[in-house]
Amino acid sequence: MCDRSGKCSNDGTCQLVLRNRKTGIELVEHHCKAHLVLRVWEAERDDGLDIVDATTLHQSSPG
């Protein structure tokens, strides 16, 4: 997993929301786009997790 900023590549930052099937608790993770693809692949194969949402986060430019 990337650090909280997701700045492990120049591909931008994505937010992934996962839900534990047993408890219903949602977990938010931050990844660069490259690691997001891998994490989604892992989560799809995990019987205990559901993918709720994956969103690209747009960072505002300094004004």
Protein backbone atom coordinates (compact mmCIF):
# COMPACT_ATOMS: atom_id res chain seq x y z
CA MET A 1 0.00 0.00 0.00
CA CYS A 2 1.14 3.53 -0.70
CA ASP A 3 1.64 6.07 2.03
CA ARG A 4 -1.46 8.10 2.93
CA SER A 5 -0.73 10.65 0.23
CA GLY A 6 -0.52 7.93 -2.44
CA LYS A 7 2.52 9.65 -3.93
CA CYS A 8 4.40 6.58 -5.07
CA SER A 9 4.11 7.43 -8.77
CA ASN A 10 3.06 10.27 -11.04
CA ASP A 11 -0.30 8.63 -11.79
CA GLY A 12 -2.36 10.55 -9.24
CA THR A 13 -4.03 9.43 -6.03
CA CYS A 14 -7.00 7.11 -5.74
CA GLN A 15 -9.25 6.27 -2.83
CA LEU A 16 -10.47 2.70 -2.42
CA VAL A 17 -13.37 1.84 -0.09
CA LEU A 18 -13.66 -1.77 1.05
CA ARG A 19 -16.35 -3.37 3.26
CA ASN A 20 -15.74 -6.30 5.58
CA ARG A 21 -18.47 -8.85 4.77
CA LYS A 22 -18.68 -10.12 8.36
CA THR A 23 -18.76 -6.86 10.28
CA GLY A 24 -20.00 -4.40 7.63
CA ILE A 25 -17.21 -2.01 8.62
CA GLU A 26 -15.81 0.05 5.75
CA LEU A 27 -12.10 0.70 5.30
CA VAL A 28 -10.66 3.53 3.21
CA GLU A 29 -7.25 3.10 1.58
CA HIS A 30 -5.22 5.50 -0.57
CA HIS A 31 -3.15 4.27 -3.49
CA CYS A 32 -1.51 5.55 -6.64
CA LYS A 33 -3.27 4.29 -9.77
CA ALA A 34 -0.64 1.61 -10.34
CA HIS A 35 -1.07 0.11 -6.86
CA LEU A 36 -4.86 0.55 -6.97
CA VAL A 37 -5.10 -1.99 -9.80
CA LEU A 38 -3.14 -4.53 -7.76
CA ARG A 39 -5.16 -3.87 -4.59
CA VAL A 40 -8.50 -4.22 -6.41
CA TRP A 41 -7.28 -7.53 -7.84
CA GLU A 42 -6.36 -8.72 -4.32
CA ALA A 43 -9.67 -7.55 -2.84
CA GLU A 44 -11.71 -9.31 -5.54
CA ARG A 45 -10.08 -12.59 -4.54
CA ASP A 46 -10.62 -12.03 -0.80
CA ASP A 47 -13.83 -13.75 0.35
CA GLY A 48 -14.06 -11.42 3.34
CA LEU A 49 -14.10 -8.11 1.41
CA ASP A 50 -16.43 -6.28 -0.93
CA ILE A 51 -15.27 -3.35 -3.05
CA VAL A 52 -17.58 -0.40 -2.40
CA ASP A 53 -15.94 2.33 -4.47
CA ALA A 54 -12.72 3.38 -6.19
CA THR A 55 -12.34 7.09 -6.95
CA THR A 56 -9.58 9.25 -8.39
CA LEU A 57 -8.89 12.14 -6.06
CA HIS A 58 -8.28 15.43 -7.80
CA GLN A 59 -5.82 17.63 -5.96
CA SER A 60 -6.51 21.34 -6.15
CA SER A 61 -3.73 23.42 -7.60
CA PRO A 62 -2.29 26.16 -5.41
CA GLY A 63 -4.04 29.41 -6.19
